Amino acid sequence: MSRYENTFRALQEKGEGAFVPFVMLGDPNPEDALEIIRAIVDAGADALELGVPFSDPVADGPTIQKAHIRALDGGANVDKALAQVRTIREEYPDLPIGMLIYANVAYVRGVGEFYREFAEAGADSILLPDVPVREGQPFSEAASAHGIDPIYIAPAKASEQTLEGVAAQSRGYIYAISRDGVTGTERESSVEGLREVVANVQRFGGAPVLLGFGISAPEHVRAAIEAGAAGAITGSAITSIIDRHVEGTHPHPGRVTDMAALKEELATFVSEMKSATR
């Protein structure tokens, strides 16, 4: 069984959903990012979604865009991201690690080589947010060949054909988005209609559904679980906490000003979000 299957089964037996935080690798630098990730996992994260910094993150709103830029200013690159994944995998052998990476990175590395490298580093899944499922076959095939779960996004108002494709092609989990748009926009996530979003995806079977985009408070997590999702993914809310504790402006490298205070705030937030899955 995969790490995702083991995790979802264990959570189901306890009557809990999954809380999955997103963190940008290398933000604001590799050493601080690892400290941040350790604090988040130790506070109760059930799995991780890790970003690889990219210059044109089209699916992301301003908060996570800023994290991409900060990490790049700090010297982030794919080799350093792979090194961080290896470290996290060594420290947390059973934790599901999902990657969120833009497709240009895969093209530049060579698609087969790209999946091989992340598999060897210890990643379980890769989501390419700018590759819709209708264009995903070569990526899915390369992922499966190297033991990586391909993840696809199920948009809130997707066609039947798209949802059927997402259910058929996704392994590990399905990333259902609770509303249209980019990550972390100012308008609050509406918990209205979440049940319909989840039910639409689940009609076609497939992997467990995690809800993302606009999940920023415990009540959003609770609503996602009540709507039938297996869990929720939070990115911009965590990135905002990190942002408040980083100094340094583009194009200069940033640094965390008070790591103890940042870790304490992250631990409180993560534990509150995780509690909402129970």
C-alpha atoms as a PDB file:
ATOM      1  CA  MET A   1       0.000   0.000   0.000  1.00  0.00           C
ATOM      2  CA  SER A   2       1.138   3.531  -0.702  1.00  0.00           C
ATOM      3  CA  ARG A   3       1.768   6.128   1.997  1.00  0.00           C
ATOM      4  CA  TYR A   4      -1.444   7.890   0.915  1.00  0.00           C
ATOM      5  CA  GLU A   5      -3.481   4.690   1.223  1.00  0.00           C
ATOM      6  CA  ASN A   6      -2.008   3.934   4.637  1.00  0.00           C
ATOM      7  CA  THR A   7      -2.641   7.486   5.857  1.00  0.00           C
ATOM      8  CA  PHE A   8      -6.225   7.742   4.589  1.00  0.00           C
ATOM      9  CA  ARG A   9      -7.059   4.312   6.009  1.00  0.00           C
ATOM     10  CA  ALA A  10      -5.579   5.126   9.419  1.00  0.00           C
ATOM     11  CA  LEU A  11      -7.450   8.452   9.537  1.00  0.00           C
ATOM     12  CA  GLN A  12     -10.715   6.804   8.512  1.00  0.00           C
ATOM     13  CA  GLU A  13     -10.351   4.270  11.311  1.00  0.00           C
ATOM     14  CA  LYS A  14      -9.957   7.160  13.768  1.00  0.00           C
ATOM     15  CA  GLY A  15     -12.874   9.081  12.260  1.00  0.00           C
ATOM     16  CA  GLU A  16     -10.660  11.957  11.135  1.00  0.00           C
ATOM     17  CA  GLY A  17     -10.014  13.814   7.927  1.00  0.00           C
ATOM     18  CA  ALA A  18      -6.590  14.770   6.605  1.00  0.00           C
ATOM     19  CA  PHE A  19      -5.055  18.187   7.114  1.00  0.00           C
ATOM     20  CA  VAL A  20      -2.472  18.836   4.396  1.00  0.00           C
ATOM     21  CA  PRO A  21      -0.461  22.072   4.540  1.00  0.00           C
ATOM     22  CA  PHE A  22       1.323  23.512   1.517  1.00  0.00           C
ATOM     23  CA  VAL A  23       4.808  24.948   2.005  1.00  0.00           C
ATOM     24  CA  MET A  24       7.167  26.467  -0.551  1.00  0.00           C
ATOM     25  CA  LEU A  25      10.565  24.775  -0.557  1.00  0.00           C
ATOM     26  CA  GLY A  26      13.415  27.249  -0.147  1.00  0.00           C
ATOM     27  CA  ASP A  27      11.207  29.991   1.316  1.00  0.00           C
ATOM     28  CA  PRO A  28      12.882  32.198   2.399  1.00  0.00           C
ATOM     29  CA  ASN A  29      15.970  29.963   2.189  1.00  0.00           C
ATOM     30  CA  PRO A  30      16.526  26.174   2.351  1.00  0.00           C
ATOM     31  CA  GLU A  31      17.565  26.048   6.024  1.00  0.00           C
ATOM     32  CA  ASP A  32      14.615  28.115   7.272  1.00  0.00           C
ATOM     33  CA  ALA A  33      12.213  26.183   5.025  1.00  0.00           C
ATOM     34  CA  LEU A  34      13.255  22.883   6.619  1.00  0.00           C
ATOM     35  CA  GLU A  35      12.759  24.327  10.112  1.00  0.00           C
ATOM     36  CA  ILE A  36       9.300  25.530   9.074  1.00  0.00           C
ATOM     37  CA  ILE A  37       8.346  22.160   7.590  1.00  0.00           C
ATOM     38  CA  ARG A  38       9.497  20.279  10.707  1.00  0.00           C
ATOM     39  CA  ALA A  39       7.375  22.560  12.902  1.00  0.00           C
ATOM     40  CA  ILE A  40       4.317  22.005  10.708  1.00  0.00           C
ATOM     41  CA  VAL A  41       4.654  18.223  10.615  1.00  0.00           C
ATOM     42  CA  ASP A  42       5.344  17.978  14.328  1.00  0.00           C
ATOM     43  CA  ALA A  43       2.206  20.067  15.003  1.00  0.00           C
ATOM     44  CA  GLY A  44       0.004  17.452  13.368  1.00  0.00           C
ATOM     45  CA  ALA A  45       0.066  17.655   9.558  1.00  0.00           C
ATOM     46  CA  ASP A  46      -1.107  14.355   8.051  1.00  0.00           C
ATOM     47  CA  ALA A  47       0.740  14.875   4.747  1.00  0.00           C
ATOM     48  CA  LEU A  48       2.637  17.635   2.983  1.00  0.00           C
ATOM     49  CA  GLU A  49       2.240  19.447  -0.297  1.00  0.00           C
ATOM     50  CA  LEU A  50       5.547  21.098  -1.215  1.00  0.00           C
ATOM     51  CA  GLY A  51       6.052  23.739  -3.868  1.00  0.00           C
ATOM     52  CA  VAL A  52       9.094  24.067  -6.098  1.00  0.00           C
ATOM     53  CA  PRO A  53       9.802  27.767  -6.784  1.00  0.00           C
ATOM     54  CA  PHE A  54       9.014  28.925 -10.306  1.00  0.00           C
ATOM     55  CA  SER A  55       9.139  32.320 -12.009  1.00  0.00           C
ATOM     56  CA  ASP A  56       5.608  32.337 -13.442  1.00  0.00           C
ATOM     57  CA  PRO A  57       3.220  30.527 -11.074  1.00  0.00           C
ATOM     58  CA  VAL A  58      -0.042  31.099 -12.966  1.00  0.00           C
ATOM     59  CA  ALA A  59      -2.310  29.157 -10.569  1.00  0.00           C
ATOM     60  CA  ASP A  60      -1.189  31.136  -7.543  1.00  0.00           C
ATOM     61  CA  GLY A  61      -2.432  34.382  -6.066  1.00  0.00           C
ATOM     62  CA  PRO A  62      -0.244  37.150  -4.627  1.00  0.00           C
ATOM     63  CA  THR A  63       0.635  35.448  -1.322  1.00  0.00           C
ATOM     64  CA  ILE A  64       2.143  32.303  -2.814  1.00  0.00           C
ATOM     65  CA  GLN A  65       3.594  34.241  -5.772  1.00  0.00           C
ATOM     66  CA  LYS A  66       5.575  36.193  -3.188  1.00  0.00           C
ATOM     67  CA  ALA A  67       6.844  32.936  -1.679  1.00  0.00           C
ATOM     68  CA  HIS A  68       8.042  31.767  -5.116  1.00  0.00           C
ATOM     69  CA  ILE A  69       9.921  35.055  -5.592  1.00  0.00           C
ATOM     70  CA  ARG A  70      11.394  35.023  -2.066  1.00  0.00           C
ATOM     71  CA  ALA A  71      12.679  31.494  -2.550  1.00  0.00           C
ATOM     72  CA  LEU A  72      14.182  32.336  -5.950  1.00  0.00           C
ATOM     73  CA  ASP A  73      15.853  35.414  -4.445  1.00  0.00           C
ATOM     74  CA  GLY A  74      17.333  33.073  -1.820  1.00  0.00           C
ATOM     75  CA  GLY A  75      18.961  30.964  -4.543  1.00  0.00           C
ATOM     76  CA  ALA A  76      16.323  28.234  -4.847  1.00  0.00           C
ATOM     77  CA  ASN A  77      16.554  25.796  -7.724  1.00  0.00           C
ATOM     78  CA  VAL A  78      15.332  22.291  -8.522  1.00  0.00           C
ATOM     79  CA  ASP A  79      18.483  20.541  -7.258  1.00  0.00           C
ATOM     80  CA  LYS A  80      18.142  22.292  -3.889  1.00  0.00           C
ATOM     81  CA  ALA A  81      14.445  21.379  -3.780  1.00  0.00           C
ATOM     82  CA  LEU A  82      15.323  17.727  -4.379  1.00  0.00           C
ATOM     83  CA  ALA A  83      17.865  17.879  -1.552  1.00  0.00           C
ATOM     84  CA  GLN A  84      15.205  19.259   0.806  1.00  0.00           C
ATOM     85  CA  VAL A  85      12.769  16.502  -0.189  1.00  0.00           C
ATOM     86  CA  ARG A  86      15.456  13.892   0.556  1.00  0.00           C
ATOM     87  CA  THR A  87      16.011  15.397   4.011  1.00  0.00           C
ATOM     88  CA  ILE A  88      12.272  15.469   4.807  1.00  0.00           C
ATOM     89  CA  ARG A  89      11.836  11.890   3.605  1.00  0.00           C
ATOM     90  CA  GLU A  90      14.715  10.679   5.792  1.00  0.00           C
ATOM     91  CA  GLU A  91      13.225  12.385   8.841  1.00  0.00           C
ATOM     92  CA  TYR A  92       9.601  11.363   8.182  1.00  0.00           C
ATOM     93  CA  PRO A  93       9.681   7.947   6.465  1.00  0.00           C
ATOM     94  CA  ASP A  94       5.903   7.343   6.568  1.00  0.00           C
ATOM     95  CA  LEU A  95       4.650  10.855   5.744  1.00  0.00           C
ATOM     96  CA  PRO A  96       2.983  11.290   2.338  1.00  0.00           C
ATOM     97  CA  ILE A  97       4.892  13.976   0.418  1.00  0.00           C
ATOM     98  CA  GLY A  98       3.145  15.574  -2.537  1.00  0.00           C
ATOM     99  CA  MET A  99       4.806  18.054  -4.868  1.00  0.00           C
ATOM    100  CA  LEU A 100       3.230  21.012  -6.643  1.00  0.00           C
ATOM    101  CA  ILE A 101       5.447  21.932  -9.591  1.00  0.00           C
ATOM    102  CA  TYR A 102       4.821  23.884 -12.795  1.00  0.00           C
ATOM    103  CA  ALA A 103       5.130  21.964 -16.057  1.00  0.00           C
ATOM    104  CA  ASN A 104       8.066  23.981 -17.433  1.00  0.00           C
ATOM    105  CA  VAL A 105      10.241  22.409 -14.748  1.00  0.00           C
ATOM    106  CA  ALA A 106       9.338  18.942 -16.032  1.00  0.00           C
ATOM    107  CA  TYR A 107       9.975  19.934 -19.653  1.00  0.00           C
ATOM    108  CA  VAL A 108      13.364  21.473 -18.890  1.00  0.00           C
ATOM    109  CA  ARG A 109      14.558  18.482 -16.834  1.00  0.00           C
ATOM    110  CA  GLY A 110      13.129  16.004 -19.345  1.00  0.00           C
ATOM    111  CA  VAL A 111       9.814  14.487 -18.301  1.00  0.00           C
ATOM    112  CA  GLY A 112      11.104  10.990 -17.505  1.00  0.00           C
ATOM    113  CA  GLU A 113      14.177  12.291 -15.684  1.00  0.00           C
ATOM    114  CA  PHE A 114      12.017  14.750 -13.740  1.00  0.00           C
ATOM    115  CA  TYR A 115       9.783  12.010 -12.310  1.00  0.00           C
ATOM    116  CA  ARG A 116      12.731   9.705 -11.662  1.00  0.00           C
ATOM    117  CA  GLU A 117      14.577  12.365  -9.656  1.00  0.00           C
ATOM    118  CA  PHE A 118      11.591  13.223  -7.459  1.00  0.00           C
ATOM    119  CA  ALA A 119      10.767   9.553  -6.929  1.00  0.00           C
ATOM    120  CA  GLU A 120      14.337   8.850  -5.826  1.00  0.00           C
ATOM    121  CA  ALA A 121      14.230  11.860  -3.487  1.00  0.00           C
ATOM    122  CA  GLY A 122      11.173  10.381  -1.766  1.00  0.00           C
ATOM    123  CA  ALA A 123       8.158  12.202  -3.233  1.00  0.00           C
ATOM    124  CA  ASP A 124       4.887  10.281  -3.432  1.00  0.00           C
ATOM    125  CA  SER A 125       2.899  12.433  -5.834  1.00  0.00           C
ATOM    126  CA  ILE A 126       3.272  15.346  -8.256  1.00  0.00           C
ATOM    127  CA  LEU A 127       0.597  17.850  -9.232  1.00  0.00           C
ATOM    128  CA  LEU A 128       1.316  20.044 -12.260  1.00  0.00           C
ATOM    129  CA  PRO A 129      -1.281  22.820 -11.824  1.00  0.00           C
ATOM    130  CA  ASP A 130      -0.900  24.133 -15.379  1.00  0.00           C
ATOM    131  CA  VAL A 131      -1.486  20.718 -17.000  1.00  0.00           C
ATOM    132  CA  PRO A 132      -5.198  19.877 -17.326  1.00  0.00           C
ATOM    133  CA  VAL A 133      -6.115  16.217 -17.401  1.00  0.00           C
ATOM    134  CA  ARG A 134      -6.906  16.350 -21.127  1.00  0.00           C
ATOM    135  CA  GLU A 135      -3.195  17.074 -21.743  1.00  0.00           C
ATOM    136  CA  GLY A 136      -1.913  14.832 -18.990  1.00  0.00           C
ATOM    137  CA  GLN A 137      -1.318  11.427 -20.576  1.00  0.00           C
ATOM    138  CA  PRO A 138       2.461  11.725 -21.181  1.00  0.00           C
ATOM    139  CA  PHE A 139       2.911  13.036 -17.639  1.00  0.00           C
ATOM    140  CA  SER A 140       0.730  10.303 -16.130  1.00  0.00           C
ATOM    141  CA  GLU A 141       2.644   7.615 -18.012  1.00  0.00           C
ATOM    142  CA  ALA A 142       6.040   8.975 -16.947  1.00  0.00           C
ATOM    143  CA  ALA A 143       4.836   9.368 -13.341  1.00  0.00           C
ATOM    144  CA  SER A 144       3.526   5.810 -13.161  1.00  0.00           C
ATOM    145  CA  ALA A 145       6.697   4.433 -14.751  1.00  0.00           C
ATOM    146  CA  HIS A 146       8.711   5.874 -11.866  1.00  0.00           C
ATOM    147  CA  GLY A 147       6.291   5.078  -9.033  1.00  0.00           C
ATOM    148  CA  ILE A 148       4.934   8.624  -8.625  1.00  0.00           C
ATOM    149  CA  ASP A 149       1.188   9.257  -8.189  1.00  0.00           C
ATOM    150  CA  PRO A 150      -0.034  11.794 -10.773  1.00  0.00           C
ATOM    151  CA  ILE A 151      -2.511  14.266  -9.248  1.00  0.00           C
ATOM    152  CA  TYR A 152      -5.010  16.297 -11.256  1.00  0.00           C
ATOM    153  CA  ILE A 153      -7.195  19.238 -10.321  1.00  0.00           C
ATOM    154  CA  ALA A 154     -10.967  18.838 -10.427  1.00  0.00           C
ATOM    155  CA  PRO A 155     -12.287  22.385 -11.046  1.00  0.00           C
ATOM    156  CA  ALA A 156     -15.409  23.463  -9.174  1.00  0.00           C
ATOM    157  CA  LYS A 157     -17.555  23.653 -12.325  1.00  0.00           C
ATOM    158  CA  ALA A 158     -15.829  21.069 -14.492  1.00  0.00           C
ATOM    159  CA  SER A 159     -17.548  19.178 -17.294  1.00  0.00           C
ATOM    160  CA  GLU A 160     -18.484  15.527 -16.859  1.00  0.00           C
ATOM    161  CA  GLN A 161     -15.699  14.602 -19.281  1.00  0.00           C
ATOM    162  CA  THR A 162     -13.089  16.451 -17.213  1.00  0.00           C
ATOM    163  CA  LEU A 163     -14.262  14.958 -13.918  1.00  0.00           C
ATOM    164  CA  GLU A 164     -14.279  11.479 -15.410  1.00  0.00           C
ATOM    165  CA  GLY A 165     -10.712  12.015 -16.658  1.00  0.00           C
ATOM    166  CA  VAL A 166      -9.535  13.384 -13.302  1.00  0.00           C
ATOM    167  CA  ALA A 167     -11.014  10.390 -11.470  1.00  0.00           C
ATOM    168  CA  ALA A 168      -9.435   7.949 -13.928  1.00  0.00           C
ATOM    169  CA  GLN A 169      -5.974   9.541 -14.032  1.00  0.00           C
ATOM    170  CA  SER A 170      -5.380  10.716 -10.449  1.00  0.00           C
ATOM    171  CA  ARG A 171      -3.644   8.423  -7.985  1.00  0.00           C
ATOM    172  CA  GLY A 172      -3.094   9.108  -4.287  1.00  0.00           C
ATOM    173  CA  TYR A 173      -5.755  11.788  -4.078  1.00  0.00           C
ATOM    174  CA  ILE A 174      -7.830  14.141  -6.233  1.00  0.00           C
ATOM    175  CA  TYR A 175      -7.310  17.887  -5.737  1.00  0.00           C
ATOM    176  CA  ALA A 176     -10.797  19.398  -5.893  1.00  0.00           C
ATOM    177  CA  ILE A 177     -10.928  23.177  -5.835  1.00  0.00           C
ATOM    178  CA  SER A 178     -13.698  24.776  -3.859  1.00  0.00           C
ATOM    179  CA  ARG A 179     -14.113  27.756  -6.192  1.00  0.00           C
ATOM    180  CA  ASP A 180     -12.804  29.269  -9.401  1.00  0.00           C
ATOM    181  CA  GLY A 181      -9.761  31.546  -9.473  1.00  0.00           C
ATOM    182  CA  VAL A 182      -6.236  31.399  -8.085  1.00  0.00           C
ATOM    183  CA  THR A 183      -4.953  30.497  -4.641  1.00  0.00           C
ATOM    184  CA  GLY A 184      -5.430  32.783  -1.686  1.00  0.00           C
ATOM    185  CA  THR A 185      -7.464  35.587  -3.237  1.00  0.00           C
ATOM    186  CA  GLU A 186      -9.012  38.129  -0.910  1.00  0.00           C
ATOM    187  CA  ARG A 187     -12.546  36.858  -1.255  1.00  0.00           C
ATOM    188  CA  GLU A 188     -13.241  34.364   1.485  1.00  0.00           C
ATOM    189  CA  SER A 189     -13.801  30.778   0.596  1.00  0.00           C
ATOM    190  CA  SER A 190     -17.499  30.062   0.612  1.00  0.00           C
ATOM    191  CA  VAL A 191     -18.495  26.855   2.333  1.00  0.00           C
ATOM    192  CA  GLU A 192     -21.727  26.940   0.368  1.00  0.00           C
ATOM    193  CA  GLY A 193     -21.786  24.399  -2.418  1.00  0.00           C
ATOM    194  CA  LEU A 194     -18.854  22.336  -1.141  1.00  0.00           C
ATOM    195  CA  ARG A 195     -21.020  19.222  -0.893  1.00  0.00           C
ATOM    196  CA  GLU A 196     -21.961  19.619  -4.543  1.00  0.00           C
ATOM    197  CA  VAL A 197     -18.303  20.033  -5.563  1.00  0.00           C
ATOM    198  CA  VAL A 198     -17.275  16.876  -3.699  1.00  0.00           C
ATOM    199  CA  ALA A 199     -20.283  14.865  -4.875  1.00  0.00           C
ATOM    200  CA  ASN A 200     -19.594  15.842  -8.501  1.00  0.00           C
ATOM    201  CA  VAL A 201     -16.058  14.466  -8.273  1.00  0.00           C
ATOM    202  CA  GLN A 202     -17.025  11.348  -6.338  1.00  0.00           C
ATOM    203  CA  ARG A 203     -19.647  10.299  -8.907  1.00  0.00           C
ATOM    204  CA  PHE A 204     -16.815   8.923 -11.019  1.00  0.00           C
ATOM    205  CA  GLY A 205     -15.053   7.080  -8.201  1.00  0.00           C
ATOM    206  CA  GLY A 206     -11.304   7.350  -8.000  1.00  0.00           C
ATOM    207  CA  ALA A 207      -8.950   8.422  -5.241  1.00  0.00           C
ATOM    208  CA  PRO A 208      -9.960  10.286  -2.045  1.00  0.00           C
ATOM    209  CA  VAL A 209     -10.874  13.946  -2.550  1.00  0.00           C
ATOM    210  CA  LEU A 210      -8.931  16.747  -0.866  1.00  0.00           C
ATOM    211  CA  LEU A 211     -10.420  20.225  -1.080  1.00  0.00           C
ATOM    212  CA  GLY A 212      -8.176  23.233  -1.643  1.00  0.00           C
ATOM    213  CA  PHE A 213      -8.140  26.932  -2.629  1.00  0.00           C
ATOM    214  CA  GLY A 214      -9.426  29.346   0.008  1.00  0.00           C
ATOM    215  CA  ILE A 215      -9.168  26.933   2.950  1.00  0.00           C
ATOM    216  CA  SER A 216      -7.848  29.328   5.575  1.00  0.00           C
ATOM    217  CA  ALA A 217      -9.694  28.710   8.852  1.00  0.00           C
ATOM    218  CA  PRO A 218     -10.836  25.727  10.958  1.00  0.00           C
ATOM    219  CA  GLU A 219     -14.463  26.222   9.884  1.00  0.00           C
ATOM    220  CA  HIS A 220     -13.399  25.744   6.225  1.00  0.00           C
ATOM    221  CA  VAL A 221     -11.711  22.461   7.123  1.00  0.00           C
ATOM    222  CA  ARG A 222     -14.759  21.335   9.087  1.00  0.00           C
ATOM    223  CA  ALA A 223     -17.029  22.221   6.165  1.00  0.00           C
ATOM    224  CA  ALA A 224     -14.815  20.298   3.730  1.00  0.00           C
ATOM    225  CA  ILE A 225     -14.978  17.154   5.888  1.00  0.00           C
ATOM    226  CA  GLU A 226     -18.732  17.536   6.402  1.00  0.00           C
ATOM    227  CA  ALA A 227     -19.122  17.868   2.618  1.00  0.00           C
ATOM    228  CA  GLY A 228     -17.599  14.398   2.221  1.00  0.00           C
ATOM    229  CA  ALA A 229     -13.984  15.278   1.396  1.00  0.00           C
ATOM    230  CA  ALA A 230     -11.222  13.113   2.841  1.00  0.00           C
ATOM    231  CA  GLY A 231      -9.401  16.261   3.932  1.00  0.00           C
ATOM    232  CA  ALA A 232      -8.332  19.791   3.109  1.00  0.00           C
ATOM    233  CA  ILE A 233      -5.228  21.520   1.757  1.00  0.00           C
ATOM    234  CA  THR A 234      -4.151  24.929   3.076  1.00  0.00           C
ATOM    235  CA  GLY A 235      -1.465  27.035   1.432  1.00  0.00           C
ATOM    236  CA  SER A 236      -1.905  30.790   1.418  1.00  0.00           C
ATOM    237  CA  ALA A 237      -2.875  31.023   5.101  1.00  0.00           C
ATOM    238  CA  ILE A 238       0.358  29.280   6.115  1.00  0.00           C
ATOM    239  CA  THR A 239       2.411  31.323   3.646  1.00  0.00           C
ATOM    240  CA  SER A 240       0.908  34.507   5.136  1.00  0.00           C
ATOM    241  CA  ILE A 241       2.126  33.492   8.602  1.00  0.00           C
ATOM    242  CA  ILE A 242       5.620  32.885   7.228  1.00  0.00           C
ATOM    243  CA  ASP A 243       5.494  36.217   5.389  1.00  0.00           C
ATOM    244  CA  ARG A 244       4.899  38.109   8.639  1.00  0.00           C
ATOM    245  CA  HIS A 245       8.115  36.702  10.100  1.00  0.00           C
ATOM    246  CA  VAL A 246      10.431  37.281   7.126  1.00  0.00           C
ATOM    247  CA  GLU A 247      12.496  40.364   6.432  1.00  0.00           C
ATOM    248  CA  GLY A 248      14.275  41.198   3.196  1.00  0.00           C
ATOM    249  CA  THR A 249      12.822  42.643   0.022  1.00  0.00           C
ATOM    250  CA  HIS A 250      13.142  41.568  -3.592  1.00  0.00           C
ATOM    251  CA  PRO A 251      15.713  41.040  -5.068  1.00  0.00           C
ATOM    252  CA  HIS A 252      17.594  40.501  -1.790  1.00  0.00           C
ATOM    253  CA  PRO A 253      17.441  37.161   0.037  1.00  0.00           C
ATOM    254  CA  GLY A 254      14.996  37.031   2.945  1.00  0.00           C
ATOM    255  CA  ARG A 255      15.430  35.515   6.388  1.00  0.00           C
ATOM    256  CA  VAL A 256      13.180  34.606   9.289  1.00  0.00           C
ATOM    257  CA  THR A 257      13.547  37.253  11.982  1.00  0.00           C
ATOM    258  CA  ASP A 258      12.421  35.122  14.955  1.00  0.00           C
ATOM    259  CA  MET A 259      12.199  31.414  14.186  1.00  0.00           C
ATOM    260  CA  ALA A 260      10.874  30.479  17.644  1.00  0.00           C
ATOM    261  CA  ALA A 261       7.955  32.919  17.296  1.00  0.00           C
ATOM    262  CA  LEU A 262       7.224  31.725  13.754  1.00  0.00           C
ATOM    263  CA  LYS A 263       7.248  28.071  14.789  1.00  0.00           C
ATOM    264  CA  GLU A 264       4.945  28.793  17.714  1.00  0.00           C
ATOM    265  CA  GLU A 265       2.430  30.610  15.487  1.00  0.00           C
ATOM    266  CA  LEU A 266       2.570  27.852  12.855  1.00  0.00           C
ATOM    267  CA  ALA A 267       2.142  25.120  15.476  1.00  0.00           C
ATOM    268  CA  THR A 268      -0.942  26.841  16.903  1.00  0.00           C
ATOM    269  CA  PHE A 269      -2.482  27.302  13.450  1.00  0.00           C
ATOM    270  CA  VAL A 270      -1.775  23.741  12.310  1.00  0.00           C
ATOM    271  CA  SER A 271      -3.086  22.173  15.506  1.00  0.00           C
ATOM    272  CA  GLU A 272      -6.311  24.213  15.246  1.00  0.00           C
ATOM    273  CA  MET A 273      -6.777  23.224  11.596  1.00  0.00           C
ATOM    274  CA  LYS A 274      -6.044  19.568  12.383  1.00  0.00           C
ATOM    275  CA  SER A 275      -8.522  19.618  15.279  1.00  0.00           C
ATOM    276  CA  ALA A 276     -11.228  20.642  12.808  1.00  0.00           C
ATOM    277  CA  THR A 277     -10.790  17.329  10.954  1.00  0.00           C
ATOM    278  CA  ARG A 278     -11.950  15.329  13.980  1.00  0.00           C
END
